[in-house]
Amino acid sequence: MGHGFVKALGSLLIAVLVGIVVLWIALELFVGALKLLGIAIGIAVMVAVYFVAEKAIGKGR
């Protein structure tokens, strides 16, 4: 396992944690049929945070 793998794993962990928080907030805000929209927003934010974290951490590579 290289150093890059550890950094990628760190980015993924950050993205998952932020995604879980956003999902929880979205599910609290949206009810009924809008829960699907909340889940979609949470997943989109998780993906966006992953790429932002990868770019930020990747500068040190």
Protein backbone atom coordinates (compact mmCIF):
# COMPACT_ATOMS: atom_id res chain seq x y z
CA MET A 1 0.00 0.00 0.00
CA GLY A 2 1.47 3.25 -1.12
CA HIS A 3 1.26 6.68 0.42
CA GLY A 4 -1.24 7.73 -2.26
CA PHE A 5 -3.58 4.93 -1.23
CA VAL A 6 -3.65 6.21 2.35
CA LYS A 7 -4.42 9.75 1.15
CA ALA A 8 -7.20 8.46 -1.11
CA LEU A 9 -8.60 6.49 1.81
CA GLY A 10 -8.53 9.64 3.93
CA SER A 11 -10.41 11.56 1.23
CA LEU A 12 -12.99 8.80 1.04
CA LEU A 13 -13.41 8.78 4.82
CA ILE A 14 -13.96 12.55 4.89
CA ALA A 15 -16.48 12.29 2.05
CA VAL A 16 -18.40 9.49 3.77
CA LEU A 17 -18.56 11.36 7.08
CA VAL A 18 -19.76 14.58 5.44
CA GLY A 19 -22.20 12.60 3.29
CA ILE A 20 -23.69 10.89 6.35
CA VAL A 21 -24.18 14.23 8.10
CA VAL A 22 -25.76 15.78 5.00
CA LEU A 23 -27.99 12.73 4.50
CA TRP A 24 -29.15 12.93 8.10
CA ILE A 25 -29.94 16.65 7.82
CA ALA A 26 -31.65 16.17 4.45
CA LEU A 27 -33.80 13.34 5.79
CA GLU A 28 -34.79 15.51 8.75
CA LEU A 29 -35.78 18.37 6.44
CA PHE A 30 -37.51 16.42 3.68
CA VAL A 31 -40.47 14.15 4.44
CA GLY A 32 -42.50 11.68 2.39
CA ALA A 33 -41.69 11.64 -1.31
CA LEU A 34 -39.07 14.35 -0.85
CA LYS A 35 -36.87 11.90 1.10
CA LEU A 36 -35.62 10.60 -2.24
CA LEU A 37 -34.58 14.13 -3.16
CA GLY A 38 -32.80 14.43 0.19
CA ILE A 39 -30.93 11.17 -0.43
CA ALA A 40 -29.93 12.32 -3.93
CA ILE A 41 -28.66 15.64 -2.55
CA GLY A 42 -26.71 13.82 0.17
CA ILE A 43 -25.06 11.50 -2.34
CA ALA A 44 -24.22 14.42 -4.65
CA VAL A 45 -22.62 16.34 -1.78
CA MET A 46 -20.68 13.22 -0.74
CA VAL A 47 -19.26 12.83 -4.26
CA ALA A 48 -18.43 16.54 -4.49
CA VAL A 49 -16.65 16.53 -1.11
CA TYR A 50 -14.66 13.45 -2.13
CA PHE A 51 -13.31 15.19 -5.23
CA VAL A 52 -12.61 18.44 -3.37
CA ALA A 53 -10.76 16.53 -0.63
CA GLU A 54 -8.83 14.53 -3.23
CA LYS A 55 -7.76 17.75 -4.94
CA ALA A 56 -6.78 19.43 -1.65
CA ILE A 57 -4.90 16.42 -0.28
CA GLY A 58 -3.48 15.61 -3.72
CA LYS A 59 -1.51 18.86 -3.77
CA GLY A 60 0.96 17.26 -1.38
CA ARG A 61 1.53 14.25 -3.64
